[in-house]
Amino acid sequence: MMIDISANLDQISEAQAEIESTSTEDMTSAEMLALQQQMNEVNLQIQMTSKMLEMDYNQIKAPIEAIRW
């Protein structure tokens, strides 16, 4: 099963850039909560992508180790 990690990484990069470019100076508390939620979603996406990479690695690791021995 191939997972498109690069698409996930692109989405993460775009979301992080948007968050970083947001000025919090004049934000209301509701806007701050929305920004915090967006940051939480980006962090979750990073964790999910990391887990997918780990799963992909584990799928190819065993056959490679079998060839080695």
N, C-alpha and C. Protein backbone atom coordinates (compact mmCIF):
# COMPACT_ATOMS: atom_id res chain seq x y z
N MET A 1 0.85 -1.19 0.00
CA MET A 1 0.00 0.00 0.00
C MET A 1 0.89 1.25 0.00
N MET A 2 0.81 2.02 -1.07
CA MET A 2 1.61 3.24 -1.15
C MET A 2 0.82 4.41 -0.57
N ILE A 3 1.47 5.16 0.25
CA ILE A 3 0.86 6.34 0.87
C ILE A 3 1.58 7.55 0.31
N ASP A 4 0.81 8.56 -0.08
CA ASP A 4 1.41 9.76 -0.65
C ASP A 4 1.89 10.69 0.47
N ILE A 5 3.08 10.41 0.96
CA ILE A 5 3.66 11.18 2.05
C ILE A 5 3.96 12.60 1.60
N SER A 6 4.41 12.77 0.36
CA SER A 6 4.77 14.12 -0.10
C SER A 6 3.57 15.06 -0.10
N ALA A 7 2.39 14.55 -0.41
CA ALA A 7 1.19 15.39 -0.36
C ALA A 7 0.91 15.83 1.08
N ASN A 8 1.07 14.91 2.02
CA ASN A 8 0.89 15.25 3.43
C ASN A 8 1.90 16.30 3.86
N LEU A 9 3.15 16.12 3.46
CA LEU A 9 4.19 17.08 3.85
C LEU A 9 3.93 18.46 3.24
N ASP A 10 3.42 18.49 2.01
CA ASP A 10 3.07 19.77 1.38
C ASP A 10 1.96 20.46 2.16
N GLN A 11 0.94 19.70 2.54
CA GLN A 11 -0.17 20.27 3.31
C GLN A 11 0.32 20.80 4.65
N ILE A 12 1.18 20.05 5.30
CA ILE A 12 1.73 20.47 6.59
C ILE A 12 2.52 21.77 6.43
N SER A 13 3.36 21.83 5.41
CA SER A 13 4.17 23.03 5.17
C SER A 13 3.30 24.25 4.91
N GLU A 14 2.27 24.07 4.10
CA GLU A 14 1.36 25.19 3.80
C GLU A 14 0.65 25.67 5.06
N ALA A 15 0.17 24.74 5.86
CA ALA A 15 -0.54 25.10 7.09
C ALA A 15 0.39 25.79 8.08
N GLN A 16 1.62 25.29 8.20
CA GLN A 16 2.58 25.91 9.11
C GLN A 16 2.92 27.33 8.65
N ALA A 17 3.09 27.52 7.35
CA ALA A 17 3.40 28.85 6.82
C ALA A 17 2.25 29.82 7.10
N GLU A 18 1.03 29.33 6.93
CA GLU A 18 -0.14 30.17 7.20
C GLU A 18 -0.20 30.56 8.67
N ILE A 19 0.05 29.60 9.55
CA ILE A 19 0.04 29.88 10.99
C ILE A 19 1.13 30.88 11.35
N GLU A 20 2.33 30.68 10.81
CA GLU A 20 3.45 31.56 11.14
C GLU A 20 3.24 32.98 10.63
N SER A 21 2.49 33.13 9.55
CA SER A 21 2.27 34.47 8.99
C SER A 21 1.11 35.20 9.65
N THR A 22 0.42 34.52 10.55
CA THR A 22 -0.74 35.12 11.22
C THR A 22 -0.28 36.00 12.37
N SER A 23 -0.72 37.24 12.37
CA SER A 23 -0.41 38.16 13.47
C SER A 23 -1.44 37.97 14.58
N THR A 24 -0.95 37.74 15.78
CA THR A 24 -1.85 37.52 16.91
C THR A 24 -2.11 38.80 17.70
N GLU A 25 -1.52 39.89 17.26
CA GLU A 25 -1.58 41.14 18.02
C GLU A 25 -3.00 41.63 18.30
N ASP A 26 -3.84 41.64 17.28
CA ASP A 26 -5.19 42.19 17.44
C ASP A 26 -6.28 41.11 17.43
N MET A 27 -5.91 39.90 17.78
CA MET A 27 -6.88 38.79 17.72
C MET A 27 -7.80 38.80 18.93
N THR A 28 -9.04 38.40 18.66
CA THR A 28 -9.98 38.17 19.75
C THR A 28 -9.69 36.79 20.34
N SER A 29 -10.27 36.51 21.48
CA SER A 29 -10.04 35.19 22.09
C SER A 29 -10.59 34.07 21.20
N ALA A 30 -11.68 34.32 20.51
CA ALA A 30 -12.23 33.31 19.60
C ALA A 30 -11.26 33.04 18.44
N GLU A 31 -10.65 34.09 17.92
CA GLU A 31 -9.67 33.92 16.85
C GLU A 31 -8.43 33.18 17.36
N MET A 32 -8.03 33.48 18.59
CA MET A 32 -6.88 32.77 19.18
C MET A 32 -7.20 31.28 19.35
N LEU A 33 -8.42 30.98 19.78
CA LEU A 33 -8.83 29.58 19.91
C LEU A 33 -8.83 28.88 18.56
N ALA A 34 -9.30 29.58 17.53
CA ALA A 34 -9.31 29.00 16.18
C ALA A 34 -7.89 28.73 15.70
N LEU A 35 -6.98 29.66 15.98
CA LEU A 35 -5.58 29.48 15.60
C LEU A 35 -4.97 28.30 16.37
N GLN A 36 -5.29 28.20 17.64
CA GLN A 36 -4.79 27.08 18.44
C GLN A 36 -5.31 25.76 17.89
N GLN A 37 -6.57 25.73 17.49
CA GLN A 37 -7.15 24.52 16.90
C GLN A 37 -6.43 24.17 15.60
N GLN A 38 -6.14 25.18 14.79
CA GLN A 38 -5.43 24.94 13.53
C GLN A 38 -4.03 24.37 13.83
N MET A 39 -3.36 24.91 14.82
CA MET A 39 -2.05 24.41 15.20
C MET A 39 -2.14 22.96 15.69
N ASN A 40 -3.17 22.66 16.45
CA ASN A 40 -3.37 21.28 16.92
C ASN A 40 -3.59 20.33 15.75
N GLU A 41 -4.35 20.78 14.75
CA GLU A 41 -4.60 19.94 13.57
C GLU A 41 -3.32 19.69 12.79
N VAL A 42 -2.47 20.72 12.68
CA VAL A 42 -1.19 20.54 11.99
C VAL A 42 -0.32 19.55 12.76
N ASN A 43 -0.28 19.69 14.07
CA ASN A 43 0.51 18.75 14.87
C ASN A 43 0.00 17.32 14.73
N LEU A 44 -1.31 17.16 14.69
CA LEU A 44 -1.89 15.83 14.49
C LEU A 44 -1.51 15.28 13.12
N GLN A 45 -1.54 16.13 12.11
CA GLN A 45 -1.16 15.71 10.76
C GLN A 45 0.31 15.28 10.73
N ILE A 46 1.16 16.00 11.44
CA ILE A 46 2.57 15.63 11.52
C ILE A 46 2.72 14.26 12.18
N GLN A 47 2.00 14.04 13.27
CA GLN A 47 2.07 12.76 13.97
C GLN A 47 1.57 11.62 13.08
N MET A 48 0.49 11.86 12.36
CA MET A 48 -0.07 10.82 11.48
C MET A 48 0.91 10.50 10.35
N THR A 49 1.52 11.53 9.77
CA THR A 49 2.48 11.32 8.69
C THR A 49 3.69 10.55 9.20
N SER A 50 4.15 10.90 10.38
CA SER A 50 5.27 10.19 10.99
C SER A 50 4.93 8.71 11.20
N LYS A 51 3.72 8.45 11.66
CA LYS A 51 3.29 7.06 11.88
C LYS A 51 3.21 6.31 10.55
N MET A 52 2.73 6.98 9.50
CA MET A 52 2.65 6.33 8.18
C MET A 52 4.05 6.00 7.68
N LEU A 53 5.00 6.91 7.87
CA LEU A 53 6.37 6.65 7.46
C LEU A 53 6.94 5.46 8.23
N GLU A 54 6.65 5.41 9.51
CA GLU A 54 7.12 4.30 10.34
C GLU A 54 6.52 2.98 9.86
N MET A 55 5.24 2.99 9.51
CA MET A 55 4.59 1.78 9.02
C MET A 55 5.19 1.35 7.68
N ASP A 56 5.43 2.32 6.78
CA ASP A 56 6.06 2.01 5.49
C ASP A 56 7.44 1.39 5.71
N TYR A 57 8.20 1.99 6.61
CA TYR A 57 9.54 1.49 6.92
C TYR A 57 9.48 0.05 7.43
N ASN A 58 8.55 -0.19 8.35
CA ASN A 58 8.43 -1.53 8.92
C ASN A 58 8.02 -2.57 7.88
N GLN A 59 7.26 -2.15 6.86
CA GLN A 59 6.85 -3.07 5.80
C GLN A 59 8.03 -3.51 4.95
N ILE A 60 8.98 -2.61 4.73
CA ILE A 60 10.12 -2.98 3.87
C ILE A 60 11.31 -3.49 4.67
N LYS A 61 11.32 -3.25 5.96
CA LYS A 61 12.46 -3.62 6.79
C LYS A 61 12.67 -5.14 6.85
N ALA A 62 11.62 -5.89 7.10
CA ALA A 62 11.75 -7.34 7.23
C ALA A 62 12.30 -8.00 5.97
N PRO A 63 11.75 -7.70 4.78
CA PRO A 63 12.31 -8.33 3.57
C PRO A 63 13.77 -7.96 3.34
N ILE A 64 14.13 -6.72 3.64
CA ILE A 64 15.52 -6.29 3.46
C ILE A 64 16.43 -7.05 4.42
N GLU A 65 16.00 -7.19 5.67
CA GLU A 65 16.80 -7.93 6.64
C GLU A 65 16.90 -9.40 6.27
N ALA A 66 15.84 -9.95 5.70
CA ALA A 66 15.86 -11.35 5.26
C ALA A 66 16.88 -11.56 4.14
N ILE A 67 16.96 -10.59 3.24
CA ILE A 67 17.93 -10.68 2.14
C ILE A 67 19.35 -10.58 2.69
N ARG A 68 19.53 -9.69 3.66
CA ARG A 68 20.85 -9.50 4.26
C ARG A 68 21.39 -10.79 4.86
N TRP A 69 20.54 -11.54 5.51
CA TRP A 69 21.00 -12.76 6.19
C TRP A 69 20.90 -13.90 5.23
